[in-house]
């Protein structure tokens, strides 16, 4: 599945703060949409129920990605 989102914020927030907020809020929003879509679609197509994507800690994931990015630079 590929999911894209378009986010905006007040101009005064600044680009760096906006990017920092997207690391958590953007991922959380898009993942919630994906979870709902997968659950809804599979509940309509599977006889035995539906598939529910697990929740995960987005803050920890974002920190891990930052650490990996720092090691690769």
PDB file of N, CA and C in Angstrom:
ATOM      1  N   UNK A   1       0.841  -1.159   0.000  1.00  0.00           N
ATOM      2  CA  UNK A   1       0.000   0.000   0.000  1.00  0.00           C
ATOM      3  C   UNK A   1       0.894   1.233   0.000  1.00  0.00           C
ATOM      4  N   UNK A   2       0.519   2.179  -0.802  1.00  0.00           N
ATOM      5  CA  UNK A   2       1.190   3.481  -0.806  1.00  0.00           C
ATOM      6  C   UNK A   2       0.148   4.510  -0.396  1.00  0.00           C
ATOM      7  N   UNK A   3       0.505   5.326   0.568  1.00  0.00           N
ATOM      8  CA  UNK A   3      -0.406   6.366   1.026  1.00  0.00           C
ATOM      9  C   UNK A   3       0.373   7.675   1.119  1.00  0.00           C
ATOM     10  N   UNK A   4      -0.225   8.725   0.630  1.00  0.00           N
ATOM     11  CA  UNK A   4       0.408  10.039   0.645  1.00  0.00           C
ATOM     12  C   UNK A   4      -0.502  11.017   1.353  1.00  0.00           C
ATOM     13  N   UNK A   5       0.080  12.042   1.915  1.00  0.00           N
ATOM     14  CA  UNK A   5      -0.700  13.067   2.583  1.00  0.00           C
ATOM     15  C   UNK A   5      -0.156  14.444   2.266  1.00  0.00           C
ATOM     16  N   UNK A   6      -0.988  15.416   2.418  1.00  0.00           N
ATOM     17  CA  UNK A   6      -0.595  16.811   2.225  1.00  0.00           C
ATOM     18  C   UNK A   6      -0.877  17.544   3.532  1.00  0.00           C
ATOM     19  N   UNK A   7       0.127  18.138   4.106  1.00  0.00           N
ATOM     20  CA  UNK A   7      -0.004  18.806   5.394  1.00  0.00           C
ATOM     21  C   UNK A   7       0.374  20.270   5.244  1.00  0.00           C
ATOM     22  N   UNK A   8      -0.256  21.108   6.041  1.00  0.00           N
ATOM     23  CA  UNK A   8       0.118  22.516   6.054  1.00  0.00           C
ATOM     24  C   UNK A   8       0.068  23.041   7.480  1.00  0.00           C
ATOM     25  N   UNK A   9       0.674  24.176   7.682  1.00  0.00           N
ATOM     26  CA  UNK A   9       0.735  24.807   9.002  1.00  0.00           C
ATOM     27  C   UNK A   9       0.883  26.309   8.793  1.00  0.00           C
ATOM     28  N   UNK A  10       0.636  27.076   9.843  1.00  0.00           N
ATOM     29  CA  UNK A  10       0.835  28.525   9.730  1.00  0.00           C
ATOM     30  C   UNK A  10       2.277  28.855   9.338  1.00  0.00           C
ATOM     31  N   UNK A  11       2.462  29.876   8.551  1.00  0.00           N
ATOM     32  CA  UNK A  11       3.783  30.262   8.058  1.00  0.00           C
ATOM     33  C   UNK A  11       4.749  30.538   9.198  1.00  0.00           C
ATOM     34  N   UNK A  12       4.275  31.099  10.284  1.00  0.00           N
ATOM     35  CA  UNK A  12       5.130  31.475  11.403  1.00  0.00           C
ATOM     36  C   UNK A  12       5.772  30.300  12.127  1.00  0.00           C
ATOM     37  N   UNK A  13       5.323  29.102  11.874  1.00  0.00           N
ATOM     38  CA  UNK A  13       5.862  27.945  12.584  1.00  0.00           C
ATOM     39  C   UNK A  13       7.291  27.611  12.135  1.00  0.00           C
ATOM     40  N   UNK A  14       7.638  27.944  10.923  1.00  0.00           N
ATOM     41  CA  UNK A  14       8.975  27.692  10.410  1.00  0.00           C
ATOM     42  C   UNK A  14       9.117  26.289   9.834  1.00  0.00           C
ATOM     43  N   UNK A  15       9.983  26.174   8.864  1.00  0.00           N
ATOM     44  CA  UNK A  15      10.158  24.910   8.142  1.00  0.00           C
ATOM     45  C   UNK A  15      10.724  23.804   9.024  1.00  0.00           C
ATOM     46  N   UNK A  16      11.702  24.111   9.845  1.00  0.00           N
ATOM     47  CA  UNK A  16      12.319  23.080  10.689  1.00  0.00           C
ATOM     48  C   UNK A  16      11.334  22.512  11.699  1.00  0.00           C
ATOM     49  N   UNK A  17      10.561  23.377  12.349  1.00  0.00           N
ATOM     50  CA  UNK A  17       9.560  22.918  13.316  1.00  0.00           C
ATOM     51  C   UNK A  17       8.493  22.093  12.609  1.00  0.00           C
ATOM     52  N   UNK A  18       8.094  22.525  11.426  1.00  0.00           N
ATOM     53  CA  UNK A  18       7.094  21.795  10.638  1.00  0.00           C
ATOM     54  C   UNK A  18       7.588  20.384  10.326  1.00  0.00           C
ATOM     55  N   UNK A  19       8.835  20.267   9.905  1.00  0.00           N
ATOM     56  CA  UNK A  19       9.404  18.947   9.597  1.00  0.00           C
ATOM     57  C   UNK A  19       9.477  18.076  10.844  1.00  0.00           C
ATOM     58  N   UNK A  20       9.834  18.656  11.978  1.00  0.00           N
ATOM     59  CA  UNK A  20       9.886  17.900  13.227  1.00  0.00           C
ATOM     60  C   UNK A  20       8.502  17.393  13.618  1.00  0.00           C
ATOM     61  N   UNK A  21       7.500  18.233  13.444  1.00  0.00           N
ATOM     62  CA  UNK A  21       6.136  17.829  13.775  1.00  0.00           C
ATOM     63  C   UNK A  21       5.642  16.728  12.842  1.00  0.00           C
ATOM     64  N   UNK A  22       6.033  16.788  11.582  1.00  0.00           N
ATOM     65  CA  UNK A  22       5.610  15.766  10.618  1.00  0.00           C
ATOM     66  C   UNK A  22       6.168  14.393  10.953  1.00  0.00           C
ATOM     67  N   UNK A  23       7.342  14.362  11.572  1.00  0.00           N
ATOM     68  CA  UNK A  23       7.940  13.075  11.917  1.00  0.00           C
ATOM     69  C   UNK A  23       7.022  12.250  12.800  1.00  0.00           C
ATOM     70  N   UNK A  24       6.277  12.901  13.651  1.00  0.00           N
ATOM     71  CA  UNK A  24       5.372  12.178  14.543  1.00  0.00           C
ATOM     72  C   UNK A  24       3.927  12.316  14.072  1.00  0.00           C
ATOM     73  N   UNK A  25       3.461  13.536  13.928  1.00  0.00           N
ATOM     74  CA  UNK A  25       2.056  13.761  13.593  1.00  0.00           C
ATOM     75  C   UNK A  25       1.691  13.276  12.193  1.00  0.00           C
ATOM     76  N   UNK A  26       2.566  13.479  11.240  1.00  0.00           N
ATOM     77  CA  UNK A  26       2.295  13.034   9.875  1.00  0.00           C
ATOM     78  C   UNK A  26       2.216  11.520   9.777  1.00  0.00           C
ATOM     79  N   UNK A  27       3.196  10.847  10.381  1.00  0.00           N
ATOM     80  CA  UNK A  27       3.202   9.388  10.373  1.00  0.00           C
ATOM     81  C   UNK A  27       1.962   8.857  11.089  1.00  0.00           C
ATOM     82  N   UNK A  28       1.650   9.432  12.234  1.00  0.00           N
ATOM     83  CA  UNK A  28       0.493   8.979  13.006  1.00  0.00           C
ATOM     84  C   UNK A  28      -0.795   9.132  12.203  1.00  0.00           C
ATOM     85  N   UNK A  29      -0.973  10.258  11.556  1.00  0.00           N
ATOM     86  CA  UNK A  29      -2.189  10.497  10.766  1.00  0.00           C
ATOM     87  C   UNK A  29      -2.313   9.524   9.606  1.00  0.00           C
ATOM     88  N   UNK A  30      -1.241   9.381   8.845  1.00  0.00           N
ATOM     89  CA  UNK A  30      -1.295   8.497   7.680  1.00  0.00           C
ATOM     90  C   UNK A  30      -1.445   7.036   8.074  1.00  0.00           C
ATOM     91  N   UNK A  31      -0.780   6.626   9.148  1.00  0.00           N
ATOM     92  CA  UNK A  31      -0.882   5.241   9.594  1.00  0.00           C
ATOM     93  C   UNK A  31      -2.296   4.936  10.092  1.00  0.00           C
ATOM     94  N   UNK A  32      -2.924   5.892  10.759  1.00  0.00           N
ATOM     95  CA  UNK A  32      -4.304   5.703  11.212  1.00  0.00           C
ATOM     96  C   UNK A  32      -5.251   5.520  10.026  1.00  0.00           C
ATOM     97  N   UNK A  33      -5.041   6.288   8.982  1.00  0.00           N
ATOM     98  CA  UNK A  33      -5.851   6.142   7.767  1.00  0.00           C
ATOM     99  C   UNK A  33      -5.624   4.770   7.148  1.00  0.00           C
ATOM    100  N   UNK A  34      -4.364   4.347   7.079  1.00  0.00           N
ATOM    101  CA  UNK A  34      -4.045   3.034   6.512  1.00  0.00           C
ATOM    102  C   UNK A  34      -4.671   1.912   7.330  1.00  0.00           C
ATOM    103  N   UNK A  35      -4.603   2.012   8.661  1.00  0.00           N
ATOM    104  CA  UNK A  35      -5.205   0.986   9.529  1.00  0.00           C
ATOM    105  C   UNK A  35      -6.702   0.871   9.264  1.00  0.00           C
ATOM    106  N   UNK A  36      -7.374   2.007   9.187  1.00  0.00           N
ATOM    107  CA  UNK A  36      -8.811   2.008   8.928  1.00  0.00           C
ATOM    108  C   UNK A  36      -9.154   1.423   7.570  1.00  0.00           C
ATOM    109  N   UNK A  37      -8.364   1.766   6.559  1.00  0.00           N
ATOM    110  CA  UNK A  37      -8.604   1.263   5.214  1.00  0.00           C
ATOM    111  C   UNK A  37      -8.424  -0.248   5.154  1.00  0.00           C
ATOM    112  N   UNK A  38      -7.337  -0.738   5.735  1.00  0.00           N
ATOM    113  CA  UNK A  38      -7.070  -2.181   5.714  1.00  0.00           C
ATOM    114  C   UNK A  38      -8.161  -2.927   6.480  1.00  0.00           C
ATOM    115  N   UNK A  39      -8.535  -2.429   7.635  1.00  0.00           N
ATOM    116  CA  UNK A  39      -9.564  -3.105   8.418  1.00  0.00           C
ATOM    117  C   UNK A  39     -10.907  -3.105   7.682  1.00  0.00           C
ATOM    118  N   UNK A  40     -11.277  -1.983   7.115  1.00  0.00           N
ATOM    119  CA  UNK A  40     -12.544  -1.887   6.399  1.00  0.00           C
ATOM    120  C   UNK A  40     -12.570  -2.797   5.174  1.00  0.00           C
ATOM    121  N   UNK A  41     -11.513  -2.755   4.389  1.00  0.00           N
ATOM    122  CA  UNK A  41     -11.451  -3.560   3.164  1.00  0.00           C
ATOM    123  C   UNK A  41     -11.456  -5.045   3.473  1.00  0.00           C
ATOM    124  N   UNK A  42     -10.657  -5.456   4.450  1.00  0.00           N
ATOM    125  CA  UNK A  42     -10.591  -6.884   4.757  1.00  0.00           C
ATOM    126  C   UNK A  42     -11.863  -7.384   5.440  1.00  0.00           C
ATOM    127  N   UNK A  43     -12.558  -6.524   6.184  1.00  0.00           N
ATOM    128  CA  UNK A  43     -13.803  -6.967   6.810  1.00  0.00           C
ATOM    129  C   UNK A  43     -14.888  -7.222   5.773  1.00  0.00           C
ATOM    130  N   UNK A  44     -14.777  -6.575   4.625  1.00  0.00           N
ATOM    131  CA  UNK A  44     -15.753  -6.766   3.555  1.00  0.00           C
ATOM    132  C   UNK A  44     -15.399  -7.924   2.639  1.00  0.00           C
ATOM    133  N   UNK A  45     -14.150  -8.383   2.709  1.00  0.00           N
ATOM    134  CA  UNK A  45     -13.718  -9.438   1.789  1.00  0.00           C
ATOM    135  C   UNK A  45     -13.402 -10.763   2.474  1.00  0.00           C
ATOM    136  N   UNK A  46     -13.137 -10.751   3.757  1.00  0.00           N
ATOM    137  CA  UNK A  46     -12.814 -11.988   4.472  1.00  0.00           C
ATOM    138  C   UNK A  46     -14.041 -12.497   5.216  1.00  0.00           C
ATOM    139  N   UNK A  47     -14.255 -13.795   5.159  1.00  0.00           N
ATOM    140  CA  UNK A  47     -15.400 -14.402   5.834  1.00  0.00           C
ATOM    141  C   UNK A  47     -15.187 -14.417   7.347  1.00  0.00           C
ATOM    142  N   UNK A  48     -13.949 -14.628   7.766  1.00  0.00           N
ATOM    143  CA  UNK A  48     -13.661 -14.839   9.184  1.00  0.00           C
ATOM    144  C   UNK A  48     -13.311 -13.571   9.951  1.00  0.00           C
ATOM    145  N   UNK A  49     -13.529 -12.414   9.418  1.00  0.00           N
ATOM    146  CA  UNK A  49     -13.210 -11.197  10.158  1.00  0.00           C
ATOM    147  C   UNK A  49     -12.419 -10.211   9.333  1.00  0.00           C
ATOM    148  N   UNK A  50     -11.510  -9.517   9.992  1.00  0.00           N
ATOM    149  CA  UNK A  50     -10.727  -8.504   9.299  1.00  0.00           C
ATOM    150  C   UNK A  50      -9.284  -8.520   9.791  1.00  0.00           C
ATOM    151  N   UNK A  51      -8.441  -7.828   9.049  1.00  0.00           N
ATOM    152  CA  UNK A  51      -7.034  -7.674   9.419  1.00  0.00           C
ATOM    153  C   UNK A  51      -6.885  -6.293  10.049  1.00  0.00           C
ATOM    154  N   UNK A  52      -6.243  -6.243  11.197  1.00  0.00           N
ATOM    155  CA  UNK A  52      -5.999  -4.963  11.862  1.00  0.00           C
ATOM    156  C   UNK A  52      -4.492  -4.779  12.008  1.00  0.00           C
ATOM    157  N   UNK A  53      -3.972  -3.735  11.399  1.00  0.00           N
ATOM    158  CA  UNK A  53      -2.548  -3.443  11.527  1.00  0.00           C
ATOM    159  C   UNK A  53      -2.254  -3.054  12.975  1.00  0.00           C
ATOM    160  N   UNK A  54      -1.148  -3.516  13.513  1.00  0.00           N
ATOM    161  CA  UNK A  54      -0.844  -3.222  14.917  1.00  0.00           C
ATOM    162  C   UNK A  54      -0.461  -1.759  15.116  1.00  0.00           C
ATOM    163  N   UNK A  55      -0.669  -1.279  16.327  1.00  0.00           N
ATOM    164  CA  UNK A  55      -0.204   0.060  16.682  1.00  0.00           C
ATOM    165  C   UNK A  55       1.288  -0.035  16.995  1.00  0.00           C
ATOM    166  N   UNK A  56       1.991   1.059  16.843  1.00  0.00           N
ATOM    167  CA  UNK A  56       3.399   1.096  17.210  1.00  0.00           C
ATOM    168  C   UNK A  56       3.746   2.478  17.734  1.00  0.00           C
ATOM    169  N   UNK A  57       4.868   2.559  18.424  1.00  0.00           N
ATOM    170  CA  UNK A  57       5.303   3.805  19.053  1.00  0.00           C
ATOM    171  C   UNK A  57       5.980   4.685  18.003  1.00  0.00           C
ATOM    172  N   UNK A  58       5.257   5.679  17.524  1.00  0.00           N
ATOM    173  CA  UNK A  58       5.763   6.554  16.468  1.00  0.00           C
ATOM    174  C   UNK A  58       6.919   7.421  16.966  1.00  0.00           C
ATOM    175  N   UNK A  59       6.863   7.836  18.212  1.00  0.00           N
ATOM    176  CA  UNK A  59       7.939   8.669  18.771  1.00  0.00           C
ATOM    177  C   UNK A  59       9.247   7.879  18.788  1.00  0.00           C
ATOM    178  N   UNK A  60       9.198   6.632  19.270  1.00  0.00           N
ATOM    179  CA  UNK A  60      10.395   5.789  19.300  1.00  0.00           C
ATOM    180  C   UNK A  60      10.885   5.498  17.882  1.00  0.00           C
ATOM    181  N   UNK A  61       9.960   5.244  16.965  1.00  0.00           N
ATOM    182  CA  UNK A  61      10.318   4.996  15.567  1.00  0.00           C
ATOM    183  C   UNK A  61      11.045   6.211  14.973  1.00  0.00           C
ATOM    184  N   UNK A  62      10.520   7.393  15.229  1.00  0.00           N
ATOM    185  CA  UNK A  62      11.128   8.619  14.710  1.00  0.00           C
ATOM    186  C   UNK A  62      12.536   8.814  15.264  1.00  0.00           C
ATOM    187  N   UNK A  63      12.706   8.546  16.555  1.00  0.00           N
ATOM    188  CA  UNK A  63      14.033   8.665  17.162  1.00  0.00           C
ATOM    189  C   UNK A  63      14.998   7.648  16.567  1.00  0.00           C
ATOM    190  N   UNK A  64      14.540   6.431  16.356  1.00  0.00           N
ATOM    191  CA  UNK A  64      15.381   5.398  15.732  1.00  0.00           C
ATOM    192  C   UNK A  64      15.813   5.818  14.335  1.00  0.00           C
ATOM    193  N   UNK A  65      14.883   6.375  13.560  1.00  0.00           N
ATOM    194  CA  UNK A  65      15.205   6.815  12.198  1.00  0.00           C
ATOM    195  C   UNK A  65      16.221   7.956  12.225  1.00  0.00           C
ATOM    196  N   UNK A  66      16.075   8.874  13.193  1.00  0.00           N
ATOM    197  CA  UNK A  66      17.029   9.977  13.327  1.00  0.00           C
ATOM    198  C   UNK A  66      18.435   9.436  13.657  1.00  0.00           C
ATOM    199  N   UNK A  67      18.494   8.458  14.555  1.00  0.00           N
ATOM    200  CA  UNK A  67      19.775   7.867  14.927  1.00  0.00           C
ATOM    201  C   UNK A  67      20.417   7.146  13.743  1.00  0.00           C
ATOM    202  N   UNK A  68      19.630   6.403  12.990  1.00  0.00           N
ATOM    203  CA  UNK A  68      20.146   5.697  11.813  1.00  0.00           C
ATOM    204  C   UNK A  68      20.611   6.686  10.760  1.00  0.00           C
ATOM    205  N   UNK A  69      19.864   7.774  10.591  1.00  0.00           N
ATOM    206  CA  UNK A  69      20.256   8.797   9.632  1.00  0.00           C
ATOM    207  C   UNK A  69      21.569   9.439  10.025  1.00  0.00           C
ATOM    208  N   UNK A  70      21.748   9.696  11.329  1.00  0.00           N
ATOM    209  CA  UNK A  70      22.993  10.280  11.837  1.00  0.00           C
ATOM    210  C   UNK A  70      24.197   9.377  11.626  1.00  0.00           C
ATOM    211  N   UNK A  71      24.001   8.077  11.747  1.00  0.00           N
ATOM    212  CA  UNK A  71      25.093   7.118  11.558  1.00  0.00           C
ATOM    213  C   UNK A  71      25.474   6.991  10.098  1.00  0.00           C
ATOM    214  N   UNK A  72      24.536   7.219   9.191  1.00  0.00           N
ATOM    215  CA  UNK A  72      24.806   7.069   7.766  1.00  0.00           C
ATOM    216  C   UNK A  72      25.403   8.321   7.150  1.00  0.00           C
ATOM    217  N   UNK A  73      25.421   9.413   7.875  1.00  0.00           N
ATOM    218  CA  UNK A  73      25.966  10.659   7.291  1.00  0.00           C
ATOM    219  C   UNK A  73      27.450  10.765   7.501  1.00  0.00           C
TER     220      UNK A  73
END
